[in-house]
Amino acid sequence: MNKDPTTAEESTPNLELTTLQLGVAGSRYEMWRTNLIYTMPMVQHIANPAGTYVGNFNGYSPGYSASFFETRYGGGTNGSNFLRTVMNANALIDEIEGKPEQVNLLAATRIMRVLTFQRLTDVYGDIPYFDAGKGALEGKFTPHYTRQDSIYMDLHDELRAAVDQFDASQPALGDEDLLFRGDINQWKRFANSLQLRLALRLVKVRPDLAQSWAEEAVNADGGVMQGIDDDAYVSHQSGPSGGPAGFNTNANSEVMQTFAGQWLSETFVDWMKDKNDPRLTEYGALAPGGLDSALVEDPVQQRGMPNGFDNNELADSDEYTDDLDQYTRIHPNLRGLDAPMFFQTYAEVELMLAEAAVRGWNVPGSVEAHYEDGVRAAMNYITRYDEDNTKVSDSEITQYLSDNPLPSGREARLRVINNQYWAATFLNGIESWSNWRRSGYPELTPAPEQGDTGGQFIRRLDYPQGERDLNGENYQEARERQNITQSNRLTPRVWWDCGAYADQCAE
């Protein structure tokens, strides 16, 4: 009779998948630091003159740099068990593996684990992988750091195994599956689309494998995403209670609603203005009377903030102003607590297919068709943020495509396609930054020389300092293998970006 009324007596695996998916979407703690403070300013989607926004100044903050690593492995400084996505994924897999009736849940969980690990390794390079998240399961408290090339090979194998594992004759997932409500075919398309993303990452170091993986993905069971209904994202809720650690609300929006410090970058605004891009006033708007004032949505009047300038430099400049209300802010329609968090979209997939076609890989469809479908999808998916108030019309998209056609020439096409990928991944800083590093587009100018990189772009974030104390031998081995020192910690490239142990750089 001695029962704890606050603890479930039996596990509920499907709800564990829900927790895992919300954990991958993230909380305010690490998404503020990794997405809004670091990666989005680094790729010049946004700018912020406050010194805490170290990504705007090529700067290093130990806690901010480490936040994504800490939360995904251990819950982080905020101590949330819901954020331990590596540990939670491993625990769920260990619980249900070998149970035929749970095979679809197992396959979906493996795909979510791939997504978690890919984002981790893209941010940090070599990371704990094969030994990771196994402290409670196997007593491995000092995990070895796996080389990124080995991680990528296994991520590919995991995706292939997961797709093959789905079984329509076994029980389907239900509403606990926040991404696809148990639709096996959509899960397969998501896994294959993630493989396409893995493939494109390798164009510098393994162009042969990049082509092989891409062609395998588009021809695999289910193929890749076929429309915006296949977008992989987590919906959120608004209201007075966001659930544990704000999990049920959008992490980016929690920050943007509380701390009014996200302005569109001058680079991004000028690029959209130059192309008469209808997304300009969907992504941002002026609020000259303050954050909650009436908006000015005239595209001509939008003004981006320069990256790399603090408040004093803005005040001393003849070109800029320190009146921050004169710069374009992220549009309120994108700041709702119930806003979705996107993991991958059909727009991204179509633009990757366009690039694959430019490279001469054996993928169905023409470069022009994939490019136009990608741009159209990138403008249509915005309606998911606010269906009633956020929309680019079909006529606007058609006019945009007419005004901005694909040029001729291989390199010119790669530039245009990846510039569009940059625009399509707004608010997904990790993905936009990763694609910029591997493609070189858009052609960004580093922020003024300051911070901790000597005026160079940040190419990776650094590990938590606690790893040095708790897992010192493996931590030091990984740093030496990648030529990371205390003085250059943000600039050594990861393997697929032609890092230290890449055998060659093809492009």
Protein backbone atom coordinates (compact mmCIF):
# COMPACT_ATOMS: atom_id res chain seq x y z
CA MET A 1 0.00 0.00 0.00
CA ASN A 2 3.06 2.25 0.28
CA LYS A 3 2.74 3.94 -3.14
CA ASP A 4 4.22 7.22 -4.22
CA PRO A 5 1.33 9.25 -5.71
CA THR A 6 3.75 11.48 -7.66
CA THR A 7 5.48 8.67 -9.59
CA ALA A 8 4.14 6.45 -12.37
CA GLU A 9 4.29 2.76 -11.52
CA GLU A 10 4.72 1.73 -15.15
CA SER A 11 6.66 3.35 -17.97
CA THR A 12 4.78 4.83 -20.90
CA PRO A 13 7.15 4.55 -23.87
CA ASN A 14 5.04 6.59 -26.28
CA LEU A 15 5.06 9.52 -23.86
CA GLU A 16 8.80 9.10 -23.54
CA LEU A 17 8.99 9.79 -27.27
CA THR A 18 6.95 12.97 -26.68
CA THR A 19 9.44 14.05 -24.04
CA LEU A 20 12.33 13.28 -26.36
CA GLN A 21 10.87 15.32 -29.20
CA LEU A 22 10.22 18.29 -26.92
CA GLY A 23 13.75 17.94 -25.59
CA VAL A 24 15.22 18.07 -29.09
CA ALA A 25 13.18 21.23 -29.74
CA GLY A 26 14.85 22.63 -26.64
CA SER A 27 14.31 25.07 -23.82
CA ARG A 28 14.92 28.77 -23.43
CA TYR A 29 18.21 28.12 -21.64
CA GLU A 30 20.29 26.56 -24.41
CA MET A 31 18.34 27.84 -27.43
CA TRP A 32 18.88 31.40 -26.26
CA ARG A 33 22.60 30.79 -25.98
CA THR A 34 23.23 28.50 -28.94
CA ASN A 35 20.67 29.81 -31.42
CA LEU A 36 20.03 33.47 -30.62
CA ILE A 37 23.32 34.49 -29.01
CA TYR A 38 25.73 32.44 -31.10
CA THR A 39 24.66 30.88 -34.40
CA MET A 40 22.07 33.34 -35.76
CA PRO A 41 24.35 36.39 -35.34
CA MET A 42 27.30 34.38 -36.70
CA VAL A 43 25.42 33.65 -39.91
CA GLN A 44 24.16 37.26 -39.93
CA HIS A 45 20.45 36.60 -39.66
CA ILE A 46 20.23 38.83 -36.59
CA ALA A 47 22.39 41.34 -34.75
CA ASN A 48 22.47 42.64 -31.20
CA PRO A 49 24.80 45.37 -29.85
CA ALA A 50 24.74 44.02 -26.28
CA GLY A 51 28.05 42.54 -25.19
CA THR A 52 26.37 39.34 -24.04
CA TYR A 53 25.59 38.47 -27.68
CA VAL A 54 29.07 37.10 -28.22
CA GLY A 55 28.24 35.52 -31.58
CA ASN A 56 27.79 39.07 -32.88
CA PHE A 57 31.39 39.88 -31.95
CA ASN A 58 33.24 36.60 -32.64
CA GLY A 59 33.51 36.24 -28.89
CA TYR A 60 33.86 33.36 -26.45
CA SER A 61 31.65 32.77 -23.43
CA PRO A 62 32.39 29.46 -21.66
CA GLY A 63 28.83 28.90 -20.46
CA TYR A 64 27.12 29.99 -23.67
CA SER A 65 29.46 27.95 -25.85
CA ALA A 66 28.93 24.85 -23.71
CA SER A 67 25.17 25.10 -23.23
CA PHE A 68 24.09 22.89 -26.13
CA PHE A 69 26.59 20.17 -25.17
CA GLU A 70 25.63 20.29 -21.51
CA THR A 71 21.88 20.12 -22.02
CA ARG A 72 21.92 17.41 -24.66
CA TYR A 73 24.09 15.14 -22.53
CA GLY A 74 23.32 16.00 -18.93
CA GLY A 75 20.44 18.45 -18.64
CA GLY A 76 22.71 21.46 -18.27
CA THR A 77 23.01 24.18 -15.68
CA ASN A 78 19.23 24.42 -15.39
CA GLY A 79 19.19 20.75 -14.38
CA SER A 80 16.31 19.68 -16.60
CA ASN A 81 16.03 15.92 -17.04
CA PHE A 82 13.78 16.58 -20.03
CA LEU A 83 16.73 18.04 -21.95
CA ARG A 84 19.01 15.02 -21.63
CA THR A 85 18.09 13.91 -25.11
CA VAL A 86 21.06 11.57 -25.59
CA MET A 87 20.42 9.81 -22.31
CA ASN A 88 16.65 9.79 -22.80
CA ALA A 89 16.94 8.35 -26.32
CA ASN A 90 19.34 5.63 -25.18
CA ALA A 91 17.15 4.74 -22.21
CA LEU A 92 14.04 4.44 -24.38
CA ILE A 93 15.85 2.33 -26.95
CA ASP A 94 17.18 0.05 -24.22
CA GLU A 95 13.67 -0.29 -22.79
CA ILE A 96 11.87 -1.27 -26.01
CA GLU A 97 14.54 -2.97 -28.13
CA GLY A 98 13.61 -6.56 -28.94
CA LYS A 99 9.88 -5.99 -28.47
CA PRO A 100 8.14 -6.52 -31.84
CA GLU A 101 5.10 -4.49 -30.85
CA GLN A 102 7.35 -1.46 -30.21
CA VAL A 103 9.30 -1.61 -33.45
CA ASN A 104 7.79 1.59 -34.90
CA LEU A 105 8.50 3.51 -31.72
CA LEU A 106 12.04 2.14 -31.78
CA ALA A 107 12.63 3.27 -35.36
CA ALA A 108 11.29 6.78 -34.65
CA THR A 109 13.45 7.06 -31.54
CA ARG A 110 16.56 6.08 -33.49
CA ILE A 111 15.83 8.83 -36.02
CA MET A 112 15.41 11.41 -33.27
CA ARG A 113 18.72 10.28 -31.78
CA VAL A 114 20.40 10.75 -35.17
CA LEU A 115 19.03 14.30 -35.35
CA THR A 116 20.35 15.05 -31.85
CA PHE A 117 23.81 13.69 -32.56
CA GLN A 118 24.11 15.34 -35.95
CA ARG A 119 23.40 18.75 -34.47
CA LEU A 120 25.84 18.10 -31.64
CA THR A 121 28.70 17.01 -33.87
CA ASP A 122 28.05 19.82 -36.35
CA VAL A 123 28.44 22.32 -33.51
CA TYR A 124 31.40 20.75 -31.67
CA GLY A 125 33.16 18.29 -33.99
CA ASP A 126 34.33 15.15 -32.20
CA ILE A 127 31.92 14.32 -29.37
CA PRO A 128 31.03 11.41 -27.08
CA TYR A 129 29.02 9.13 -29.34
CA PHE A 130 29.30 5.35 -29.00
CA ASP A 131 29.89 5.66 -25.23
CA ALA A 132 27.52 8.58 -24.70
CA GLY A 133 24.51 8.54 -22.39
CA LYS A 134 25.43 5.16 -20.94
CA GLY A 135 26.37 6.11 -17.41
CA ALA A 136 23.19 4.70 -15.87
CA LEU A 137 22.87 1.85 -18.38
CA GLU A 138 26.45 0.57 -18.52
CA GLY A 139 28.43 2.57 -15.98
CA LYS A 140 30.37 4.52 -18.64
CA PHE A 141 30.93 7.82 -16.89
CA THR A 142 33.99 8.96 -18.86
CA PRO A 143 32.97 8.47 -22.49
CA HIS A 144 35.47 8.45 -25.32
CA TYR A 145 35.13 11.22 -27.95
CA THR A 146 34.41 9.65 -31.33
CA ARG A 147 35.89 11.16 -34.49
CA GLN A 148 33.34 13.05 -36.55
CA ASP A 149 33.95 10.99 -39.66
CA SER A 150 33.10 7.81 -37.72
CA ILE A 151 30.03 9.49 -36.26
CA TYR A 152 28.75 10.43 -39.71
CA MET A 153 29.22 6.89 -41.00
CA ASP A 154 27.17 5.52 -38.13
CA LEU A 155 24.47 8.19 -38.43
CA HIS A 156 24.00 7.05 -42.02
CA ASP A 157 23.78 3.41 -40.95
CA GLU A 158 21.29 4.25 -38.19
CA LEU A 159 18.98 6.03 -40.61
CA ARG A 160 19.05 3.15 -43.04
CA ALA A 161 18.36 0.64 -40.27
CA ALA A 162 15.51 2.74 -38.88
CA VAL A 163 13.76 3.01 -42.24
CA ASP A 164 14.05 -0.75 -42.74
CA GLN A 165 12.71 -1.36 -39.24
CA PHE A 166 9.31 0.30 -39.64
CA ASP A 167 6.56 -2.30 -39.82
CA ALA A 168 2.99 -1.37 -40.78
CA SER A 169 1.69 -4.63 -39.28
CA GLN A 170 2.75 -3.54 -35.79
CA PRO A 171 1.01 -0.93 -33.59
CA ALA A 172 1.33 2.61 -34.88
CA LEU A 173 2.32 5.62 -32.83
CA GLY A 174 -0.50 7.98 -31.98
CA ASP A 175 -0.84 11.58 -30.94
CA GLU A 176 2.12 11.19 -28.60
CA ASP A 177 4.22 11.47 -31.77
CA LEU A 178 4.37 15.25 -32.11
CA LEU A 179 6.00 15.22 -35.54
CA PHE A 180 3.88 12.92 -37.70
CA ARG A 181 1.17 11.43 -35.45
CA GLY A 182 2.49 7.96 -36.21
CA ASP A 183 2.55 8.20 -40.01
CA ILE A 184 5.23 5.65 -40.95
CA ASN A 185 5.62 6.97 -44.48
CA GLN A 186 6.36 10.47 -43.22
CA TRP A 187 8.91 9.08 -40.79
CA LYS A 188 10.64 7.29 -43.65
CA ARG A 189 10.70 10.45 -45.75
CA PHE A 190 12.10 12.39 -42.80
CA ALA A 191 14.89 9.83 -42.26
CA ASN A 192 15.78 9.83 -45.96
CA SER A 193 15.76 13.64 -46.00
CA LEU A 194 18.10 13.71 -43.01
CA GLN A 195 20.39 11.41 -44.96
CA LEU A 196 20.33 13.89 -47.83
CA ARG A 197 21.45 16.54 -45.34
CA LEU A 198 24.28 14.28 -44.15
CA ALA A 199 25.29 13.75 -47.78
CA LEU A 200 25.57 17.45 -48.63
CA ARG A 201 27.75 18.02 -45.56
CA LEU A 202 30.42 15.83 -47.13
CA VAL A 203 30.95 17.64 -50.44
CA LYS A 204 34.33 19.06 -49.36
CA VAL A 205 35.86 15.94 -47.85
CA ARG A 206 34.10 12.95 -49.45
CA PRO A 207 32.36 14.07 -52.66
CA ASP A 208 32.12 10.46 -53.79
CA LEU A 209 30.31 9.42 -50.62
CA ALA A 210 28.19 12.57 -50.70
CA GLN A 211 26.87 11.61 -54.13
CA SER A 212 26.32 7.98 -53.13
CA TRP A 213 24.38 8.86 -49.98
CA ALA A 214 22.26 11.47 -51.78
CA GLU A 215 21.30 9.09 -54.57
CA GLU A 216 20.57 6.37 -52.02
CA ALA A 217 18.32 8.73 -50.04
CA VAL A 218 16.13 9.78 -52.96
CA ASN A 219 15.74 6.19 -54.15
CA ALA A 220 15.16 4.67 -50.70
CA ASP A 221 11.85 3.30 -49.45
CA GLY A 222 9.54 6.31 -49.12
CA GLY A 223 11.90 8.75 -50.84
CA VAL A 224 12.45 12.22 -49.41
CA MET A 225 9.91 14.88 -48.39
CA GLN A 226 7.24 15.48 -51.02
CA GLY A 227 5.54 18.65 -49.77
CA ILE A 228 5.26 21.06 -46.85
CA ASP A 229 2.95 18.58 -45.09
CA ASP A 230 6.10 16.50 -44.58
CA ASP A 231 7.88 19.30 -42.67
CA ALA A 232 9.39 17.95 -39.45
CA TYR A 233 8.56 20.28 -36.58
CA VAL A 234 7.20 20.38 -33.06
CA SER A 235 4.08 22.45 -32.40
CA HIS A 236 3.91 24.35 -29.14
CA GLN A 237 1.27 25.77 -26.84
CA SER A 238 0.74 29.22 -25.43
CA GLY A 239 -0.90 30.05 -22.14
CA PRO A 240 0.08 30.64 -18.54
CA SER A 241 1.76 27.27 -18.08
CA GLY A 242 4.49 26.19 -20.43
CA GLY A 243 4.97 22.82 -18.76
CA PRO A 244 8.25 21.56 -17.30
CA ALA A 245 11.11 23.99 -17.99
CA GLY A 246 8.88 25.81 -20.48
CA PHE A 247 8.84 22.74 -22.67
CA ASN A 248 5.39 23.23 -24.14
CA THR A 249 6.22 26.73 -25.38
CA ASN A 250 8.61 27.76 -28.13
CA ALA A 251 12.08 28.32 -26.68
CA ASN A 252 13.06 31.10 -29.10
CA SER A 253 9.80 32.91 -28.45
CA GLU A 254 10.21 32.74 -24.68
CA VAL A 255 13.39 34.76 -25.09
CA MET A 256 12.06 37.13 -27.73
CA GLN A 257 8.96 37.95 -25.70
CA THR A 258 10.92 38.59 -22.52
CA PHE A 259 14.12 40.17 -23.81
CA ALA A 260 13.60 42.54 -26.72
CA GLY A 261 17.03 42.14 -28.25
CA GLN A 262 16.76 40.51 -31.65
CA TRP A 263 17.09 42.76 -34.69
CA LEU A 264 17.43 41.57 -38.26
CA SER A 265 20.97 41.87 -39.56
CA GLU A 266 21.81 44.54 -42.11
CA THR A 267 23.22 41.76 -44.28
CA PHE A 268 19.94 39.86 -44.28
CA VAL A 269 17.67 42.89 -44.70
CA ASP A 270 19.73 44.32 -47.56
CA TRP A 271 19.78 40.95 -49.33
CA MET A 272 15.98 40.71 -49.15
CA LYS A 273 15.45 44.34 -50.16
CA ASP A 274 17.74 43.92 -53.16
CA LYS A 275 15.57 41.02 -54.37
CA ASN A 276 12.18 42.52 -53.46
CA ASP A 277 11.73 39.49 -51.24
CA PRO A 278 8.19 39.35 -49.79
CA ARG A 279 9.58 37.54 -46.74
CA LEU A 280 11.16 40.78 -45.52
CA THR A 281 8.00 42.03 -43.85
CA GLU A 282 7.03 38.52 -42.73
CA TYR A 283 10.35 37.97 -40.99
CA GLY A 284 10.64 41.48 -39.57
CA ALA A 285 9.07 44.88 -39.02
CA LEU A 286 9.99 48.25 -37.58
CA ALA A 287 8.56 49.16 -34.19
CA PRO A 288 9.70 52.77 -33.92
CA GLY A 289 7.85 53.40 -30.69
CA GLY A 290 9.25 50.36 -28.92
CA LEU A 291 8.66 46.61 -29.07
CA ASP A 292 4.91 46.81 -28.46
CA SER A 293 4.24 49.87 -30.62
CA ALA A 294 2.44 49.99 -33.94
CA LEU A 295 4.44 48.26 -36.65
CA VAL A 296 5.80 49.78 -39.84
CA GLU A 297 5.70 47.04 -42.49
CA ASP A 298 6.67 49.08 -45.51
CA PRO A 299 9.61 47.09 -46.97
CA VAL A 300 11.36 50.27 -48.14
CA GLN A 301 11.62 51.56 -44.58
CA GLN A 302 13.10 48.40 -43.08
CA ARG A 303 16.62 48.82 -41.76
CA GLY A 304 18.94 46.06 -40.59
CA MET A 305 21.43 46.39 -37.77
CA PRO A 306 25.13 45.90 -38.59
CA ASN A 307 26.86 42.91 -37.08
CA GLY A 308 29.82 43.50 -34.81
CA PHE A 309 28.87 46.94 -33.49
CA ASP A 310 28.17 47.60 -29.82
CA ASN A 311 26.05 50.49 -28.52
CA ASN A 312 28.99 52.89 -28.24
CA GLU A 313 30.17 52.15 -31.76
CA LEU A 314 26.67 52.69 -33.12
CA ALA A 315 26.55 56.05 -31.32
CA ASP A 316 29.94 57.14 -32.67
CA SER A 317 29.19 56.08 -36.24
CA ASP A 318 28.16 58.53 -38.97
CA GLU A 319 26.36 55.74 -40.84
CA TYR A 320 24.35 54.14 -38.04
CA THR A 321 22.29 55.23 -35.04
CA ASP A 322 22.16 54.09 -31.44
CA ASP A 323 18.36 54.52 -31.43
CA LEU A 324 17.64 50.79 -31.52
CA ASP A 325 13.97 51.31 -32.34
CA GLN A 326 15.04 52.45 -35.81
CA TYR A 327 16.17 48.93 -36.71
CA THR A 328 13.95 46.09 -37.93
CA ARG A 329 12.99 43.57 -35.27
CA ILE A 330 11.90 39.96 -35.70
CA HIS A 331 8.20 40.16 -36.54
CA PRO A 332 5.80 39.56 -33.63
CA ASN A 333 4.00 36.91 -35.69
CA LEU A 334 7.13 34.75 -35.41
CA ARG A 335 7.45 35.30 -31.66
CA GLY A 336 4.34 33.49 -30.42
CA LEU A 337 4.77 31.04 -27.57
CA ASP A 338 2.84 28.53 -29.67
CA ALA A 339 5.18 28.95 -32.65
CA PRO A 340 6.55 25.75 -34.19
CA MET A 341 10.18 24.66 -33.90
CA PHE A 342 11.40 23.28 -37.21
CA PHE A 343 13.90 20.41 -37.51
CA GLN A 344 13.84 20.09 -41.30
CA THR A 345 11.53 21.40 -44.02
CA TYR A 346 10.51 20.41 -47.51
CA ALA A 347 11.98 23.71 -48.69
CA GLU A 348 15.42 22.65 -47.48
CA VAL A 349 15.06 19.28 -49.17
CA GLU A 350 14.12 20.79 -52.54
CA LEU A 351 17.03 23.21 -52.40
CA MET A 352 19.40 20.35 -51.56
CA LEU A 353 18.03 18.42 -54.53
CA ALA A 354 18.62 21.47 -56.70
CA GLU A 355 22.24 21.50 -55.61
CA ALA A 356 22.56 17.77 -56.17
CA ALA A 357 21.29 18.25 -59.72
CA VAL A 358 23.77 21.08 -60.33
CA ARG A 359 26.53 18.72 -59.22
CA GLY A 360 25.40 16.19 -61.81
CA TRP A 361 24.21 13.59 -59.31
CA ASN A 362 21.55 11.11 -60.34
CA VAL A 363 18.47 12.63 -58.73
CA PRO A 364 15.07 12.95 -60.42
CA GLY A 365 13.87 16.34 -61.61
CA SER A 366 15.59 19.39 -63.08
CA VAL A 367 17.65 22.00 -61.27
CA GLU A 368 15.10 24.66 -62.20
CA ALA A 369 12.12 22.67 -60.90
CA HIS A 370 13.77 21.88 -57.58
CA TYR A 371 14.89 25.47 -57.15
CA GLU A 372 11.44 26.88 -57.82
CA ASP A 373 9.73 24.30 -55.60
CA GLY A 374 12.23 25.03 -52.84
CA VAL A 375 11.72 28.78 -52.95
CA ARG A 376 7.95 28.40 -53.14
CA ALA A 377 7.95 26.05 -50.14
CA ALA A 378 10.26 28.37 -48.19
CA MET A 379 7.70 31.13 -48.55
CA ASN A 380 4.64 28.96 -47.94
CA TYR A 381 5.83 27.29 -44.75
CA ILE A 382 5.82 30.65 -42.96
CA THR A 383 2.05 30.31 -42.58
CA ARG A 384 2.68 27.73 -39.84
CA TYR A 385 3.73 30.56 -37.53
CA ASP A 386 0.43 32.41 -37.80
CA GLU A 387 -2.02 31.12 -40.39
CA ASP A 388 -4.28 34.17 -40.19
CA ASN A 389 -1.64 36.90 -40.35
CA THR A 390 1.52 35.44 -41.92
CA LYS A 391 1.30 34.64 -45.60
CA VAL A 392 3.11 35.25 -48.86
CA SER A 393 0.66 35.16 -51.76
CA ASP A 394 1.06 32.90 -54.79
CA SER A 395 1.31 35.93 -57.04
CA GLU A 396 4.12 37.38 -54.93
CA ILE A 397 6.03 34.09 -55.13
CA THR A 398 5.54 33.86 -58.89
CA GLN A 399 6.78 37.42 -59.34
CA TYR A 400 9.76 36.74 -57.08
CA LEU A 401 10.77 33.68 -59.08
CA SER A 402 10.41 35.66 -62.31
CA ASP A 403 12.62 38.44 -60.93
CA ASN A 404 15.17 36.06 -59.42
CA PRO A 405 15.70 33.16 -61.83
CA LEU A 406 18.54 30.70 -61.64
CA PRO A 407 21.60 32.00 -63.47
CA SER A 408 23.71 29.90 -65.77
CA GLY A 409 27.01 28.40 -64.65
CA ARG A 410 27.73 25.85 -61.94
CA GLU A 411 29.19 28.15 -59.28
CA ALA A 412 26.62 30.88 -59.84
CA ARG A 413 23.85 28.33 -59.37
CA LEU A 414 25.39 26.93 -56.20
CA ARG A 415 25.60 30.47 -54.84
CA VAL A 416 21.95 31.28 -55.54
CA ILE A 417 20.65 27.94 -54.24
CA ASN A 418 22.57 28.18 -50.98
CA ASN A 419 21.64 31.81 -50.49
CA GLN A 420 18.04 30.64 -50.65
CA TYR A 421 18.83 27.86 -48.16
CA TRP A 422 20.17 30.55 -45.83
CA ALA A 423 16.91 32.49 -46.13
CA ALA A 424 14.82 29.32 -45.70
CA THR A 425 16.51 28.36 -42.42
CA PHE A 426 15.83 31.62 -40.59
CA LEU A 427 15.40 30.92 -36.84
CA ASN A 428 17.23 27.58 -37.24
CA GLY A 429 20.69 28.96 -36.57
CA ILE A 430 22.54 25.66 -36.17
CA GLU A 431 21.44 24.39 -39.57
CA SER A 432 21.97 27.70 -41.35
CA TRP A 433 25.47 28.07 -39.86
CA SER A 434 26.36 24.47 -40.71
CA ASN A 435 25.26 24.84 -44.33
CA TRP A 436 27.17 28.12 -44.62
CA ARG A 437 30.35 26.46 -43.35
CA ARG A 438 30.16 23.58 -45.80
CA SER A 439 28.97 25.60 -48.85
CA GLY A 440 30.62 29.00 -48.36
CA TYR A 441 27.34 30.77 -49.14
CA PRO A 442 26.17 33.38 -48.58
CA GLU A 443 29.47 35.21 -48.98
CA LEU A 444 29.54 36.95 -45.62
CA THR A 445 32.02 39.57 -44.41
CA PRO A 446 33.31 38.91 -40.88
CA ALA A 447 32.25 41.34 -38.20
CA PRO A 448 34.85 44.04 -37.37
CA GLU A 449 38.00 42.58 -35.84
CA GLN A 450 37.40 42.08 -32.15
CA GLY A 451 36.34 39.27 -29.84
CA ASP A 452 38.38 36.10 -29.58
CA THR A 453 39.04 35.07 -33.20
CA GLY A 454 41.22 37.84 -34.55
CA GLY A 455 38.54 38.82 -37.02
CA GLN A 456 37.95 35.28 -38.30
CA PHE A 457 34.59 33.56 -38.49
CA ILE A 458 33.66 31.16 -35.71
CA ARG A 459 33.81 27.63 -37.14
CA ARG A 460 32.89 25.62 -34.02
CA LEU A 461 31.85 26.06 -30.40
CA ASP A 462 34.03 24.82 -27.57
CA TYR A 463 33.37 22.02 -25.09
CA PRO A 464 32.29 22.61 -21.48
CA GLN A 465 35.21 23.33 -19.19
CA GLY A 466 33.78 20.77 -16.81
CA GLU A 467 34.76 18.05 -19.28
CA ARG A 468 38.39 18.89 -18.59
CA ASP A 469 37.89 18.00 -14.92
CA LEU A 470 35.45 15.08 -15.18
CA ASN A 471 36.58 13.42 -18.41
CA GLY A 472 40.03 14.92 -18.79
CA GLU A 473 41.89 12.21 -20.70
CA ASN A 474 39.26 11.80 -23.42
CA TYR A 475 38.64 15.54 -23.56
CA GLN A 476 42.32 16.31 -24.08
CA GLU A 477 42.74 13.59 -26.69
CA ALA A 478 39.85 15.04 -28.71
CA ARG A 479 41.24 18.57 -28.53
CA GLU A 480 44.69 17.50 -29.65
CA ARG A 481 43.28 15.44 -32.52
CA GLN A 482 41.44 18.52 -33.82
CA ASN A 483 44.25 21.02 -33.10
CA ILE A 484 42.12 22.92 -30.57
CA THR A 485 44.03 25.09 -28.12
CA GLN A 486 43.02 27.64 -25.49
CA SER A 487 43.84 30.47 -27.89
CA ASN A 488 42.09 29.21 -31.03
CA ARG A 489 39.16 27.33 -29.51
CA LEU A 490 36.52 28.81 -31.86
CA THR A 491 38.29 28.66 -35.22
CA PRO A 492 39.52 25.07 -35.90
CA ARG A 493 37.27 23.49 -38.51
CA VAL A 494 35.27 20.31 -37.99
CA TRP A 495 36.07 17.31 -40.19
CA TRP A 496 33.52 17.92 -42.96
CA ASP A 497 34.62 21.58 -43.06
CA CYS A 498 38.15 20.34 -43.94
CA GLY A 499 39.28 20.12 -40.35
CA ALA A 500 42.48 18.75 -38.84
CA TYR A 501 42.20 15.08 -39.82
CA ALA A 502 40.42 15.49 -43.14
CA ASP A 503 42.55 13.74 -45.72
CA GLN A 504 41.87 16.32 -48.36
CA CYS A 505 39.69 19.29 -49.16
CA ALA A 506 37.94 18.70 -52.47
CA GLU A 507 36.49 22.19 -52.83
